[in-house]
Protein backbone atom coordinates (compact mmCIF):
# COMPACT_ATOMS: atom_id res chain seq x y z
CA MET A 1 -0.09 -0.12 0.03
CA PRO A 2 1.83 3.05 -0.52
CA CYS A 3 3.02 5.34 2.17
CA ALA A 4 0.96 8.64 1.16
CA VAL A 5 -2.11 6.25 1.80
CA ARG A 6 -0.72 4.99 5.44
CA ARG A 7 -0.34 8.42 6.27
CA LEU A 8 -4.45 9.08 6.61
CA GLY A 9 -4.57 6.92 9.19
CA ARG A 10 -5.92 7.56 12.77
CA LYS A 11 -6.53 6.22 15.74
CA LEU A 12 -9.49 4.17 16.74
CA ARG A 13 -11.77 5.77 19.33
CA ALA A 14 -14.77 4.55 21.71
CA VAL A 15 -18.18 5.59 22.01
CA ASP A 16 -19.58 4.26 25.51
CA GLY A 17 -17.10 1.77 25.35
CA ARG A 18 -17.87 0.43 22.46
CA PRO A 19 -15.75 0.28 19.03
CA ALA A 20 -16.47 3.38 16.76
CA PHE A 21 -16.04 3.76 12.80
CA LEU A 22 -13.71 6.66 11.82
CA VAL A 23 -13.26 8.04 8.53
CA ASN A 24 -9.90 7.57 7.31
CA GLN A 25 -8.56 4.41 9.68
CA LEU A 26 -6.98 1.74 8.41
CA SER A 27 -6.20 -0.99 10.57
CA ALA A 28 -5.01 -3.40 7.47
CA PRO A 29 -4.07 -2.92 3.79
CA LEU A 30 -6.82 -1.32 1.41
CA GLY A 31 -9.19 -4.48 0.86
CA ALA A 32 -9.35 -5.97 4.20
CA ASN A 33 -11.70 -3.94 5.45
CA ASN A 34 -14.19 -1.28 3.95
CA ALA A 35 -12.78 1.83 3.99
CA VAL A 36 -13.52 5.45 3.28
CA LEU A 37 -10.68 8.10 2.72
CA CYS A 38 -11.29 11.65 2.46
CA ALA A 39 -7.87 13.97 1.50
CA ARG A 40 -7.52 17.17 0.78
CA GLY A 41 -4.00 18.68 -0.51
CA ARG A 42 -2.10 20.62 -3.50
CA ARG A 43 -0.06 17.47 -4.46
CA HIS A 44 -0.32 13.84 -4.51
CA LEU A 45 0.86 11.10 -6.52
CA VAL A 46 -0.42 7.54 -6.96
CA LYS A 47 1.45 5.59 -9.67
CA ASP A 48 0.00 2.01 -11.03
CA PHE A 49 -1.85 1.16 -7.95
CA PRO A 50 -3.70 -2.04 -8.17
CA GLY A 51 -6.29 -1.52 -5.72
CA PRO A 52 -9.46 -3.28 -4.38
CA LEU A 53 -12.88 -2.65 -5.94
CA SER A 54 -13.30 1.21 -5.29
CA ILE A 55 -15.56 4.25 -6.07
CA LYS A 56 -13.76 7.75 -6.68
CA SER A 57 -15.43 11.09 -6.03
CA VAL A 58 -14.15 14.33 -5.86
CA THR A 59 -15.83 17.27 -3.47
CA GLU A 60 -13.41 20.03 -4.20
CA GLY A 61 -11.91 20.93 -7.81
CA SER A 62 -11.44 17.81 -10.04
CA VAL A 63 -8.81 14.73 -10.65
CA THR A 64 -7.90 12.84 -13.48
CA TRP A 65 -7.55 8.93 -12.51
CA SER A 66 -5.66 7.16 -15.52
CA SER A 67 -6.36 3.55 -15.98
CA GLY A 68 -5.90 0.90 -19.26
CA GLY A 69 -4.57 4.27 -20.99
CA THR A 70 -7.52 6.38 -20.78
CA GLY A 71 -7.62 9.28 -18.44
CA LEU A 72 -10.80 10.04 -16.65
CA THR A 73 -11.68 13.12 -15.19
CA VAL A 74 -13.79 13.13 -11.95
CA ASP A 75 -15.51 16.31 -10.34
CA ARG A 76 -18.23 17.14 -7.87
CA ASP A 77 -20.90 15.96 -10.09
CA SER A 78 -19.60 12.72 -11.03
CA PHE A 79 -17.73 9.30 -9.93
CA LEU A 80 -15.64 6.51 -11.48
CA VAL A 81 -15.54 2.97 -10.79
CA LEU A 82 -12.26 0.90 -10.70
CA ASN A 83 -12.61 -2.98 -10.09
CA HIS A 84 -10.56 -5.00 -7.77
CA GLY A 85 -6.79 -5.23 -9.24
CA GLU A 86 -7.31 -2.76 -12.05
CA PRO A 87 -4.29 -0.60 -11.99
CA TYR A 88 -4.83 3.15 -12.08
CA SER A 89 -2.39 6.34 -11.76
CA MET A 90 -3.39 9.70 -10.66
CA GLU A 91 -1.62 12.84 -9.75
CA ILE A 92 -3.07 16.30 -8.22
CA ASP A 93 -0.42 19.27 -8.72
CA SER A 94 -2.71 22.52 -8.47
CA ARG A 95 -2.46 25.80 -6.34
CA THR A 96 -5.69 25.65 -4.62
CA PRO A 97 -6.50 22.33 -2.68
CA VAL A 98 -8.47 19.53 -4.02
CA SER A 99 -10.50 17.35 -1.95
CA THR A 100 -11.30 13.76 -2.83
CA LEU A 101 -13.89 11.01 -1.54
CA CYS A 102 -13.24 7.62 -1.84
CA VAL A 103 -14.49 4.28 -0.98
CA PHE A 104 -12.56 1.08 -0.96
CA PHE A 105 -14.50 -2.21 -0.27
CA GLN A 106 -13.39 -5.62 1.24
CA GLU A 107 -12.32 -8.39 -1.31
CA ASP A 108 -15.41 -10.48 -1.96
CA PHE A 109 -17.81 -7.94 -0.20
CA VAL A 110 -20.05 -6.76 -2.96
CA GLU A 111 -20.01 -10.02 -4.39
CA SER A 112 -21.21 -11.65 -1.00
CA VAL A 113 -23.97 -8.99 -1.80
CA ALA A 114 -24.59 -9.80 -5.22
CA GLY A 115 -26.08 -13.65 -4.29
CA PRO A 116 -28.59 -12.73 -2.28
CA VAL A 117 -29.28 -9.84 -4.64
CA THR A 118 -29.53 -12.04 -7.56
CA ARG A 119 -30.27 -15.93 -6.85
CA ALA A 120 -33.09 -17.79 -4.65
CA GLY A 121 -32.58 -19.35 -1.46
CA ILE A 122 -32.42 -18.78 2.40
CA ASP A 123 -28.64 -17.97 1.94
CA PRO A 124 -27.37 -17.92 -1.38
CA GLY A 125 -23.47 -17.80 -1.82
CA PRO A 126 -21.17 -14.66 -3.89
CA ALA A 127 -22.20 -14.38 -6.85
CA PRO A 128 -19.76 -12.63 -9.96
CA ALA A 129 -19.68 -8.99 -9.98
CA HIS A 130 -17.81 -7.59 -12.04
CA PHE A 131 -18.51 -3.61 -12.90
CA LEU A 132 -18.80 -1.85 -16.03
CA PRO A 133 -16.25 0.73 -15.79
CA ARG A 134 -16.25 4.08 -15.25
CA LEU A 135 -17.13 7.40 -15.28
CA HIS A 136 -20.88 7.92 -14.19
CA ALA A 137 -22.56 11.26 -13.71
CA ARG A 138 -23.90 12.43 -10.20
CA ASP A 139 -26.91 10.17 -9.13
CA LEU A 140 -29.24 10.38 -5.92
CA ARG A 141 -27.78 6.88 -4.25
CA ILE A 142 -24.44 6.09 -4.46
CA LEU A 143 -22.51 9.70 -4.44
CA PRO A 144 -24.76 11.07 -1.19
CA ARG A 145 -24.56 7.88 1.02
CA MET A 146 -20.44 8.07 0.48
CA GLN A 147 -20.84 11.74 1.84
CA ALA A 148 -23.27 10.31 4.69
CA ILE A 149 -20.79 8.10 5.72
CA ALA A 150 -17.91 10.70 5.35
CA ASN A 151 -19.68 13.49 7.12
CA THR A 152 -20.12 10.89 10.05
CA PRO A 153 -16.67 10.86 11.30
CA LEU A 154 -17.25 9.00 14.95
CA ALA A 155 -20.14 6.60 13.76
CA ASP A 156 -21.41 3.45 15.15
CA GLN A 157 -20.16 0.20 13.20
CA LEU A 158 -23.63 -1.43 12.94
CA TRP A 159 -25.14 1.83 11.23
CA VAL A 160 -21.63 1.94 8.83
CA ASP A 161 -22.27 -1.77 8.19
CA GLU A 162 -25.59 -1.10 6.82
CA GLN A 163 -24.65 1.88 5.11
CA PHE A 164 -22.01 -0.29 2.91
CA LEU A 165 -24.50 -3.07 2.15
CA GLU A 166 -26.47 -0.49 0.96
CA LEU A 167 -23.65 1.04 -1.22
CA ALA A 168 -22.93 -2.14 -2.74
CA CYS A 169 -26.72 -2.72 -3.63
CA ASP A 170 -26.40 0.68 -5.15
CA LEU A 171 -23.67 -0.08 -7.04
CA LEU A 172 -25.16 -3.50 -7.97
CA ARG A 173 -28.23 -1.62 -9.36
CA LEU A 174 -26.13 0.94 -11.26
CA ASN A 175 -24.21 -1.98 -13.17
CA ARG A 176 -27.59 -3.83 -13.97
CA GLU A 177 -28.71 -0.30 -15.41
CA VAL A 178 -25.74 -0.06 -17.78
CA GLU A 179 -26.18 -3.68 -18.82
CA ARG A 180 -29.94 -2.98 -19.73
CA ARG A 181 -28.71 0.16 -22.01
CA ILE A 182 -25.90 -2.09 -23.80
CA ARG A 183 -28.81 -4.68 -24.46
CA LEU A 184 -30.85 -1.56 -26.19
CA LEU A 185 -28.01 -0.44 -28.51
CA PRO A 186 -28.31 -1.17 -32.15
CA ALA A 187 -26.54 -4.13 -32.98
CA ARG A 188 -27.76 -7.62 -33.30
CA ARG A 189 -24.52 -9.58 -31.49
CA PRO A 190 -23.44 -9.07 -27.91
CA GLY A 191 -20.18 -8.50 -28.45
CA THR A 192 -20.98 -5.77 -30.98
CA ARG A 193 -22.90 -4.25 -28.45
CA ASP A 194 -20.11 -4.27 -26.03
CA GLU A 195 -17.92 -2.59 -28.43
CA LEU A 196 -20.10 -0.23 -28.90
CA PHE A 197 -21.03 0.70 -25.55
CA ARG A 198 -17.16 1.22 -25.16
CA ARG A 199 -16.55 3.57 -27.93
CA VAL A 200 -19.69 5.48 -26.86
CA ARG A 201 -18.26 5.55 -23.39
CA ARG A 202 -15.14 7.30 -24.42
CA GLY A 203 -17.42 9.55 -26.33
CA GLN A 204 -18.59 10.40 -22.69
CA GLU A 205 -15.48 10.48 -20.94
CA PHE A 206 -14.39 13.09 -23.24
CA LEU A 207 -17.48 15.02 -22.97
CA HIS A 208 -17.12 14.89 -19.03
CA ALA A 209 -13.29 16.23 -19.46
CA ASN A 210 -14.21 18.86 -21.74
CA ALA A 211 -17.92 19.97 -20.87
CA CYS A 212 -17.01 23.46 -20.98
CA CYS A 213 -15.18 23.77 -24.36
CA GLU A 214 -16.91 24.40 -27.53
CA LEU A 215 -17.41 20.70 -28.97
CA GLY A 216 -18.78 19.82 -31.91
CA LEU A 217 -20.68 16.30 -33.21
CA ALA A 218 -17.97 15.60 -35.16
CA MET A 219 -15.19 15.78 -32.43
CA LEU A 220 -17.02 13.41 -30.01
CA ALA A 221 -18.00 10.80 -32.89
CA ARG A 222 -13.76 10.73 -33.30
CA GLU A 223 -13.03 10.02 -30.46
CA ALA A 224 -15.51 7.13 -30.36
CA CYS A 225 -14.22 6.06 -33.61
CA LEU A 226 -17.99 6.36 -34.99
CA SER A 227 -19.69 8.09 -37.77
CA PRO A 228 -21.73 11.53 -35.92
CA TYR A 229 -25.09 10.02 -36.86
CA HIS A 230 -24.17 6.29 -35.29
CA PHE A 231 -22.51 8.20 -32.32
CA HIS A 232 -25.56 10.30 -31.95
CA ARG A 233 -28.24 7.70 -31.91
CA ALA A 234 -25.86 5.28 -29.87
CA PHE A 235 -25.24 7.73 -27.45
CA LYS A 236 -28.70 8.71 -26.88
CA GLN A 237 -29.90 5.10 -26.28
CA ALA A 238 -26.82 4.21 -24.10
CA PHE A 239 -27.48 7.57 -21.58
CA GLY A 240 -31.03 8.30 -22.22
CA LYS A 241 -30.16 11.94 -23.45
CA THR A 242 -28.52 13.24 -26.38
CA PRO A 243 -24.80 14.61 -26.46
CA ASN A 244 -25.73 18.01 -26.55
CA GLN A 245 -28.55 17.38 -23.31
CA TYR A 246 -25.49 15.53 -21.70
CA ARG A 247 -23.23 18.22 -22.25
CA ASN A 248 -25.49 21.26 -20.79
CA GLU A 249 -26.60 19.42 -17.70
CA LEU A 250 -22.87 19.15 -16.68
CA ARG A 251 -22.37 22.75 -17.49
CA LEU A 252 -25.62 23.58 -15.45
CA ALA A 253 -23.82 21.63 -12.64
CA HIS A 254 -20.71 23.60 -12.91
CA ALA A 255 -22.69 26.72 -13.04
CA ARG A 256 -24.58 25.91 -10.02
CA ARG A 257 -21.18 25.25 -8.04
CA LEU A 258 -19.97 28.84 -9.38
CA LEU A 259 -23.07 30.35 -8.01
CA GLU A 260 -22.55 28.68 -4.50
CA THR A 261 -18.64 29.00 -4.16
CA THR A 262 -17.76 32.06 -5.80
CA ALA A 263 -17.91 35.91 -6.28
CA MET A 264 -18.16 35.74 -10.27
CA THR A 265 -20.91 37.76 -11.81
CA ILE A 266 -23.45 35.51 -13.63
CA THR A 267 -22.40 37.02 -17.23
CA GLU A 268 -19.02 35.40 -16.20
CA ILE A 269 -20.28 32.47 -15.19
CA CYS A 270 -22.56 32.24 -18.47
CA GLY A 271 -19.28 32.29 -20.12
CA ALA A 272 -17.32 30.26 -17.96
CA VAL A 273 -19.42 27.17 -18.12
CA GLY A 274 -19.34 27.28 -21.99
CA PHE A 275 -22.91 29.00 -22.91
CA GLN A 276 -22.81 32.04 -25.31
CA SER A 277 -26.21 33.28 -24.54
CA ALA A 278 -27.02 34.60 -20.99
CA PRO A 279 -30.73 34.64 -21.46
CA SER A 280 -30.58 31.19 -22.72
CA PHE A 281 -28.26 30.01 -19.66
CA SER A 282 -30.65 31.72 -17.17
CA SER A 283 -33.60 29.45 -19.13
CA LEU A 284 -31.84 26.59 -18.85
CA PHE A 285 -30.78 27.13 -15.38
CA ARG A 286 -34.47 27.67 -14.18
CA LYS A 287 -36.01 24.82 -15.76
CA SER A 288 -33.15 22.37 -14.13
CA PHE A 289 -33.11 24.27 -10.85
CA GLY A 290 -36.42 25.63 -10.61
CA ALA A 291 -34.90 29.54 -10.07
CA PRO A 292 -33.14 31.78 -12.20
CA PRO A 293 -29.24 32.23 -11.22
CA SER A 294 -29.69 35.44 -9.47
CA ALA A 295 -32.29 34.15 -7.25
CA PHE A 296 -30.71 30.26 -6.47
CA ARG A 297 -27.85 32.61 -5.03
CA SER A 298 -29.49 34.57 -2.78
CA ALA A 299 -31.39 31.58 -1.94
CA SER A 300 -27.77 30.09 -1.42
């Protein structure tokens, strides 16, 4: 285990004489137990680390994890799933502090949950649980549950155990939904559908990393090695929205964060997230968050 991870450990305390769960508590190498690690800093380096099944998220700034030769950029409105033994690298070198929140699962823990979820019987055994990487847009279950665990620094172990079980179930549900989307792709053979989804994913990952830039459909299609028509059609079936709708959601989420955390004017934010028309930006923002940018900032 990298030394940078070991330094995150803290001593275990007790509540009413009973053991208590602590965020960043590591009594064994990653993968021996379920663990939550939070870190904040300007510099950090991980190189080719084959860790356990994990979920990577960022609560401040953005981080690019590299796996399989692909850079995957994660910010507050996305998260990354990496399988057990899948080597990854990441480097933070930032003028402003970056905060990460990562969950590492005990080896075979999620598989033990997958058995009862997918099989009948009183206590069925583990079932294979290989997760389809990698980058996912923010949801209403996984990130809020991770943040709830991290924000309860001195939690009762039973409550924490239940949260990890629910988190494993959430991950399995997400995986089944991704598999369902793959089956809907316009291809007859399963191998062709898998390859098509892999290519569309490359376009989606590129969109996450460049959401505030001016992008054309042809550029996204080139990243996916598909024709513009085929990419657009497959993207909509894979993610339930067009590339333009998906990009606008990413831009609006970024605008919301800037409204909450900076003193930038609304016009400056409009340009910073990639919109060229302030009225169009205000209209889309109201539609997504129930209030125009000015009212949202006042309420925040």
